[in-house]
Amino acid sequence: MDNSAEMKTKSPDAANPFVSVPVEVVVSVGKARPLIRDLVNLGENAILTLDKRVEDPVDLYVGDRLVARGQLEEMEGEQAGQLAVRLTEIADLQSGLG
């Protein structure tokens, strides 16, 4: 069998081995800026207040690049309780998010 003919019949993604490599997406829900003296005094059950509200969008990063924004959601059905993100804005990787 001629491998070059086989490659032509597959989708372009199937010919590219990089498309099956997993990438880690980090979801940032907010930041806190406590004083060091307050941070070292935190104990179990302490609350660290973030700079965002529950309904605010979250940021999705690949490495240090902002790639999208979305809303946190809770899955339903068999995955009830699982946290998820519904994408609401996708970055133009050339110019970033607006």
C-alpha atoms as a PDB file:
ATOM      1  CA  MET A   1       0.000   0.000   0.000  1.00  0.00           C
ATOM      2  CA  ASP A   2       1.289   3.471  -0.878  1.00  0.00           C
ATOM      3  CA  ASN A   3       1.453   5.547   2.301  1.00  0.00           C
ATOM      4  CA  SER A   4       1.342   8.836   0.414  1.00  0.00           C
ATOM      5  CA  ALA A   5      -2.050   7.911  -1.102  1.00  0.00           C
ATOM      6  CA  GLU A   6      -3.353   6.931   2.333  1.00  0.00           C
ATOM      7  CA  MET A   7      -2.289  10.253   3.838  1.00  0.00           C
ATOM      8  CA  LYS A   8      -4.141  12.162   1.119  1.00  0.00           C
ATOM      9  CA  THR A   9      -7.461  10.529   2.028  1.00  0.00           C
ATOM     10  CA  LYS A  10      -7.253  11.437   5.708  1.00  0.00           C
ATOM     11  CA  SER A  11      -8.183  14.809   7.103  1.00  0.00           C
ATOM     12  CA  PRO A  12      -5.287  17.269   7.501  1.00  0.00           C
ATOM     13  CA  ASP A  13      -5.540  16.892  11.299  1.00  0.00           C
ATOM     14  CA  ALA A  14      -5.118  13.126  11.079  1.00  0.00           C
ATOM     15  CA  ALA A  15      -1.803  13.605   9.285  1.00  0.00           C
ATOM     16  CA  ASN A  16      -0.476  15.912  12.003  1.00  0.00           C
ATOM     17  CA  PRO A  17       0.754  14.028  15.086  1.00  0.00           C
ATOM     18  CA  PHE A  18       0.706  17.189  17.219  1.00  0.00           C
ATOM     19  CA  VAL A  19      -3.103  17.397  17.287  1.00  0.00           C
ATOM     20  CA  SER A  20      -3.278  14.434  19.684  1.00  0.00           C
ATOM     21  CA  VAL A  21      -0.861  15.910  22.230  1.00  0.00           C
ATOM     22  CA  PRO A  22      -2.679  17.047  25.385  1.00  0.00           C
ATOM     23  CA  VAL A  23      -2.254  20.626  26.546  1.00  0.00           C
ATOM     24  CA  GLU A  24      -2.886  21.934  30.049  1.00  0.00           C
ATOM     25  CA  VAL A  25      -5.468  24.714  30.316  1.00  0.00           C
ATOM     26  CA  VAL A  26      -5.374  26.698  33.560  1.00  0.00           C
ATOM     27  CA  VAL A  27      -8.605  28.385  34.658  1.00  0.00           C
ATOM     28  CA  SER A  28      -8.059  31.480  36.795  1.00  0.00           C
ATOM     29  CA  VAL A  29     -11.021  32.349  38.998  1.00  0.00           C
ATOM     30  CA  GLY A  30      -9.437  35.325  40.733  1.00  0.00           C
ATOM     31  CA  LYS A  31      -6.555  36.724  42.736  1.00  0.00           C
ATOM     32  CA  ALA A  32      -5.967  37.687  46.345  1.00  0.00           C
ATOM     33  CA  ARG A  33      -3.399  40.157  47.652  1.00  0.00           C
ATOM     34  CA  PRO A  34      -3.086  39.643  51.395  1.00  0.00           C
ATOM     35  CA  LEU A  35      -0.269  41.094  53.450  1.00  0.00           C
ATOM     36  CA  ILE A  36       2.372  38.504  54.257  1.00  0.00           C
ATOM     37  CA  ARG A  37       1.616  38.822  57.981  1.00  0.00           C
ATOM     38  CA  ASP A  38      -2.035  37.967  57.266  1.00  0.00           C
ATOM     39  CA  LEU A  39      -1.091  35.106  54.946  1.00  0.00           C
ATOM     40  CA  VAL A  40       1.199  33.395  57.459  1.00  0.00           C
ATOM     41  CA  ASN A  41      -1.531  33.611  60.095  1.00  0.00           C
ATOM     42  CA  LEU A  42      -4.102  31.806  57.948  1.00  0.00           C
ATOM     43  CA  GLY A  43      -5.158  28.452  59.294  1.00  0.00           C
ATOM     44  CA  GLU A  44      -7.597  25.706  58.474  1.00  0.00           C
ATOM     45  CA  ASN A  45     -11.058  27.077  57.563  1.00  0.00           C
ATOM     46  CA  ALA A  46      -9.669  30.593  56.992  1.00  0.00           C
ATOM     47  CA  ILE A  47     -11.236  32.485  54.097  1.00  0.00           C
ATOM     48  CA  LEU A  48      -9.114  34.233  51.498  1.00  0.00           C
ATOM     49  CA  THR A  49     -11.238  36.771  49.604  1.00  0.00           C
ATOM     50  CA  LEU A  50     -10.685  36.946  45.854  1.00  0.00           C
ATOM     51  CA  ASP A  51     -11.026  39.972  43.598  1.00  0.00           C
ATOM     52  CA  LYS A  52     -13.912  38.450  41.627  1.00  0.00           C
ATOM     53  CA  ARG A  53     -17.508  37.491  42.253  1.00  0.00           C
ATOM     54  CA  VAL A  54     -18.993  34.046  41.536  1.00  0.00           C
ATOM     55  CA  GLU A  55     -20.801  35.319  38.433  1.00  0.00           C
ATOM     56  CA  ASP A  56     -17.710  37.042  36.957  1.00  0.00           C
ATOM     57  CA  PRO A  57     -16.008  35.475  33.921  1.00  0.00           C
ATOM     58  CA  VAL A  58     -12.971  33.259  34.465  1.00  0.00           C
ATOM     59  CA  ASP A  59      -9.797  33.425  32.372  1.00  0.00           C
ATOM     60  CA  LEU A  60      -8.354  30.397  30.556  1.00  0.00           C
ATOM     61  CA  TYR A  61      -4.616  30.247  29.989  1.00  0.00           C
ATOM     62  CA  VAL A  62      -2.322  27.959  28.035  1.00  0.00           C
ATOM     63  CA  GLY A  63       1.080  28.664  29.523  1.00  0.00           C
ATOM     64  CA  ASP A  64       1.083  32.397  30.180  1.00  0.00           C
ATOM     65  CA  ARG A  65      -1.155  33.187  27.195  1.00  0.00           C
ATOM     66  CA  LEU A  66      -4.788  34.181  27.777  1.00  0.00           C
ATOM     67  CA  VAL A  67      -6.736  32.096  25.236  1.00  0.00           C
ATOM     68  CA  ALA A  68     -10.375  32.445  26.295  1.00  0.00           C
ATOM     69  CA  ARG A  69     -12.879  33.575  28.911  1.00  0.00           C
ATOM     70  CA  GLY A  70     -15.906  31.761  30.200  1.00  0.00           C
ATOM     71  CA  GLN A  71     -18.484  31.196  32.911  1.00  0.00           C
ATOM     72  CA  LEU A  72     -18.163  28.549  35.590  1.00  0.00           C
ATOM     73  CA  GLU A  73     -20.899  25.922  35.525  1.00  0.00           C
ATOM     74  CA  GLU A  74     -21.742  22.747  37.383  1.00  0.00           C
ATOM     75  CA  MET A  75     -22.279  19.650  35.254  1.00  0.00           C
ATOM     76  CA  GLU A  76     -25.541  17.733  35.522  1.00  0.00           C
ATOM     77  CA  GLY A  77     -26.589  14.107  35.147  1.00  0.00           C
ATOM     78  CA  GLU A  78     -23.883  11.486  35.682  1.00  0.00           C
ATOM     79  CA  GLN A  79     -21.298  14.236  36.104  1.00  0.00           C
ATOM     80  CA  ALA A  80     -23.307  16.233  38.659  1.00  0.00           C
ATOM     81  CA  GLY A  81     -21.056  18.277  40.880  1.00  0.00           C
ATOM     82  CA  GLN A  82     -18.218  18.359  38.332  1.00  0.00           C
ATOM     83  CA  LEU A  83     -17.002  21.904  37.648  1.00  0.00           C
ATOM     84  CA  ALA A  84     -16.880  23.073  34.013  1.00  0.00           C
ATOM     85  CA  VAL A  85     -16.359  26.260  32.011  1.00  0.00           C
ATOM     86  CA  ARG A  86     -18.685  27.458  29.236  1.00  0.00           C
ATOM     87  CA  LEU A  87     -16.534  29.463  26.811  1.00  0.00           C
ATOM     88  CA  THR A  88     -17.944  32.900  26.111  1.00  0.00           C
ATOM     89  CA  GLU A  89     -15.015  34.580  24.379  1.00  0.00           C
ATOM     90  CA  ILE A  90     -12.170  33.071  22.357  1.00  0.00           C
ATOM     91  CA  ALA A  91      -8.943  34.995  21.872  1.00  0.00           C
ATOM     92  CA  ASP A  92      -7.591  35.912  18.487  1.00  0.00           C
ATOM     93  CA  LEU A  93      -4.164  34.445  19.155  1.00  0.00           C
ATOM     94  CA  GLN A  94      -2.572  37.149  17.005  1.00  0.00           C
ATOM     95  CA  SER A  95      -4.003  40.151  18.859  1.00  0.00           C
ATOM     96  CA  GLY A  96      -5.355  38.690  22.119  1.00  0.00           C
ATOM     97  CA  LEU A  97      -8.714  39.243  23.786  1.00  0.00           C
ATOM     98  CA  GLY A  98     -10.460  42.539  23.373  1.00  0.00           C
END
